[in-house]
Protein backbone atom coordinates (compact mmCIF):
# COMPACT_ATOMS: atom_id res chain seq x y z
CA MET A 1 -30.54 33.87 -7.39
CA LYS A 2 -28.35 35.51 -10.05
CA ARG A 3 -26.31 37.20 -7.30
CA LEU A 4 -25.74 33.83 -5.58
CA GLU A 5 -24.67 32.28 -8.88
CA SER A 6 -22.28 35.15 -9.61
CA GLY A 7 -20.76 34.94 -6.12
CA PHE A 8 -20.28 31.18 -6.47
CA GLU A 9 -18.62 31.62 -9.87
CA HIS A 10 -16.26 34.24 -8.44
CA LEU A 11 -15.40 31.89 -5.57
CA LEU A 12 -14.65 29.08 -8.04
CA PHE A 13 -12.56 31.42 -10.19
CA SER A 14 -10.62 32.68 -7.17
CA SER A 15 -9.99 29.13 -5.96
CA ARG A 16 -7.35 28.77 -8.68
CA TRP A 17 -5.02 30.62 -6.29
CA LEU A 18 -5.05 27.53 -4.06
CA MET A 19 -2.59 26.10 -6.60
CA ALA A 20 -0.01 28.86 -5.94
CA PRO A 21 1.36 27.20 -2.77
CA VAL A 22 1.63 23.94 -4.72
CA TYR A 23 3.89 25.62 -7.27
CA PHE A 24 5.90 27.16 -4.43
CA GLY A 25 6.25 23.66 -3.00
CA LEU A 26 7.76 22.58 -6.32
CA VAL A 27 10.32 25.39 -5.94
CA LEU A 28 11.20 23.93 -2.54
CA ALA A 29 11.46 20.48 -4.16
CA MET A 30 13.96 21.98 -6.63
CA LEU A 31 16.03 23.24 -3.69
CA ILE A 32 16.05 19.73 -2.24
CA LEU A 33 17.13 18.34 -5.62
CA LEU A 34 19.86 20.97 -5.82
CA VAL A 35 21.24 19.76 -2.47
CA LYS A 36 21.06 16.16 -3.79
CA PHE A 37 22.86 17.28 -6.98
CA GLY A 38 25.61 18.90 -4.91
CA LYS A 39 25.96 15.73 -2.82
CA GLU A 40 26.27 13.63 -6.01
CA VAL A 41 28.90 15.98 -7.48
CA TRP A 42 30.82 15.94 -4.19
CA GLY A 43 30.69 12.14 -4.18
CA LEU A 44 31.96 11.96 -7.76
CA PHE A 45 34.92 14.22 -7.00
CA ALA A 46 35.65 12.43 -3.72
CA HIS A 47 35.94 9.09 -5.50
CA ILE A 48 37.27 10.22 -8.87
CA LEU A 49 40.56 8.34 -8.52
CA SER A 50 39.21 5.18 -6.88
CA ALA A 51 35.93 4.70 -8.79
CA SER A 52 35.67 2.49 -11.83
CA GLY A 53 34.58 3.84 -15.18
CA GLY A 54 31.15 2.28 -14.72
CA GLU A 55 30.73 3.88 -11.30
CA LEU A 56 31.64 7.29 -12.72
CA ILE A 57 29.17 6.84 -15.58
CA ILE A 58 26.42 5.89 -13.11
CA GLY A 59 27.30 9.00 -11.09
CA VAL A 60 27.09 11.22 -14.16
CA LEU A 61 23.79 9.58 -15.17
CA SER A 62 22.48 10.39 -11.69
CA LEU A 63 23.37 14.05 -12.30
CA VAL A 64 21.58 13.97 -15.66
CA ASP A 65 18.59 12.36 -13.98
CA ILE A 66 18.38 15.16 -11.40
CA ALA A 67 18.76 17.81 -14.11
CA LEU A 68 15.90 16.27 -16.13
CA ILE A 69 13.66 16.17 -13.08
CA MET A 70 14.45 19.82 -12.30
CA ASN A 71 13.74 20.81 -15.92
CA LEU A 72 10.44 18.96 -15.68
CA LEU A 73 9.56 20.84 -12.51
CA ILE A 74 10.27 24.17 -14.22
CA ILE A 75 7.99 23.25 -17.12
CA ILE A 76 5.25 22.16 -14.73
CA MET A 77 5.58 25.27 -12.56
CA PHE A 78 5.63 27.83 -15.35
CA SER A 79 3.07 26.17 -17.58
CA GLY A 80 0.78 25.16 -14.75
CA TYR A 81 0.87 28.60 -13.20
CA GLU A 82 0.20 30.37 -16.49
CA ASN A 83 -2.50 27.89 -17.57
CA PHE A 84 -4.35 27.58 -14.29
CA VAL A 85 -3.53 30.50 -11.97
CA SER A 86 -2.40 33.72 -13.62
CA LYS A 87 -0.44 35.06 -16.58
CA MET A 88 3.06 36.32 -15.82
CA GLU A 89 2.48 39.63 -17.61
CA ASP A 90 5.47 41.41 -16.05
CA LEU A 91 7.80 38.74 -17.43
CA HIS A 92 6.59 38.67 -21.04
CA SER A 93 9.28 41.12 -22.13
CA HIS A 94 12.05 39.71 -19.92
CA GLN A 95 15.14 38.92 -22.02
CA ASP A 96 15.68 35.55 -20.31
CA ARG A 97 12.08 34.37 -20.67
CA PRO A 98 12.09 30.95 -22.36
CA ASP A 99 10.48 30.93 -25.83
CA TRP A 100 8.07 28.14 -24.89
CA MET A 101 6.72 30.02 -21.88
CA GLY A 102 3.14 31.12 -22.46
CA HIS A 103 2.79 28.83 -25.48
CA ILE A 104 2.46 25.46 -23.77
CA GLY A 105 -1.15 24.43 -23.33
CA PHE A 106 -2.46 21.71 -21.06
CA SER A 107 -2.17 19.08 -23.80
CA ASP A 108 1.41 20.14 -24.62
CA LEU A 109 2.22 20.02 -20.91
CA LYS A 110 1.02 16.43 -20.66
CA ILE A 111 3.10 15.42 -23.70
CA LYS A 112 6.21 17.05 -22.22
CA LEU A 113 5.51 15.40 -18.87
CA ILE A 114 5.18 11.95 -20.42
CA GLY A 115 8.28 12.52 -22.56
CA SER A 116 10.28 13.53 -19.50
CA ILE A 117 9.08 10.49 -17.55
CA VAL A 118 10.17 8.24 -20.44
CA ALA A 119 13.59 9.95 -20.54
CA ILE A 120 14.04 9.65 -16.77
CA SER A 121 12.95 6.01 -16.90
CA GLY A 122 15.44 5.40 -19.72
CA ILE A 123 18.26 6.88 -17.67
CA GLU A 124 17.30 4.72 -14.68
CA LEU A 125 17.27 1.70 -16.98
CA LEU A 126 20.69 2.61 -18.36
CA LYS A 127 22.01 2.99 -14.80
CA GLY A 128 20.57 -0.46 -14.07
CA PHE A 129 22.34 -1.98 -17.06
CA MET A 130 25.60 -0.29 -16.06
CA ASN A 131 25.16 -1.94 -12.66
CA VAL A 132 23.85 -5.25 -14.03
CA GLY A 133 26.06 -7.37 -11.79
CA ASN A 134 24.36 -6.07 -8.65
CA LEU A 135 20.75 -6.48 -9.83
CA SER A 136 18.66 -9.59 -10.14
CA ASP A 137 17.13 -10.64 -13.45
CA ARG A 138 13.72 -10.05 -11.92
CA HIS A 139 14.63 -6.48 -10.95
CA LEU A 140 15.95 -5.76 -14.45
CA ALA A 141 12.85 -7.32 -16.01
CA TRP A 142 10.64 -5.04 -13.91
CA MET A 143 12.72 -2.02 -14.92
CA VAL A 144 12.41 -2.92 -18.62
CA GLY A 145 8.70 -3.65 -18.24
CA ILE A 146 8.02 -0.34 -16.51
CA HIS A 147 10.07 1.56 -19.08
CA VAL A 148 8.24 -0.12 -21.97
CA THR A 149 4.93 0.69 -20.28
CA PHE A 150 5.91 4.38 -19.97
CA LEU A 151 7.13 4.40 -23.57
CA LEU A 152 3.99 2.75 -24.92
CA SER A 153 1.77 5.03 -22.83
CA GLY A 154 3.60 8.06 -24.19
CA VAL A 155 3.26 6.94 -27.79
CA LEU A 156 -0.43 6.12 -27.34
CA TYR A 157 -1.13 9.42 -25.61
CA ALA A 158 0.66 11.36 -28.36
CA ALA A 159 -1.34 9.46 -31.00
CA MET A 160 -4.63 10.15 -29.21
CA ASP A 161 -3.69 13.81 -28.84
CA ARG A 162 -2.87 14.05 -32.53
CA ILE A 163 -6.13 12.36 -33.54
CA ALA A 164 -8.11 14.64 -31.21
CA GLY A 165 -6.31 17.69 -32.62
CA LYS A 166 -7.27 16.81 -36.22
CA GLY A 167 -10.94 16.90 -35.29
CA HIS A 168 -10.72 20.62 -34.42
């Protein structure tokens, strides 16, 4: 019976490697976003003389939005891989290794994720307000409501995390 239990535990432990293709999929998602980023930059330069100031600002906000999403994917990939799959031992002494790498726990990862979602939502809301003439009041109200929901959720999660951390 002990041998069966040990084998099952090893199988469970090894199953963490099923996440590796998921993180590779996020790398592919970053490549897709890079193509989208290039398309947005190309569009900005193609219309630089004919676009209004508001249109250029919306274009730049779209670039910022893509950059934030890509940063978020990097945090999720590195932190998720190190927390749930395997340590990146060979990279611990790499000169370009980010300082936060290896120090972000699951709770920290969730806080960063929620913070990034709030920032991305804020940029989308700002883009909406820059384009207010083309959006209905209902659409804008939904955007504000969703953003406030993300913001409130983030604040509540951070407060719960802080309270839970004081108990340890």
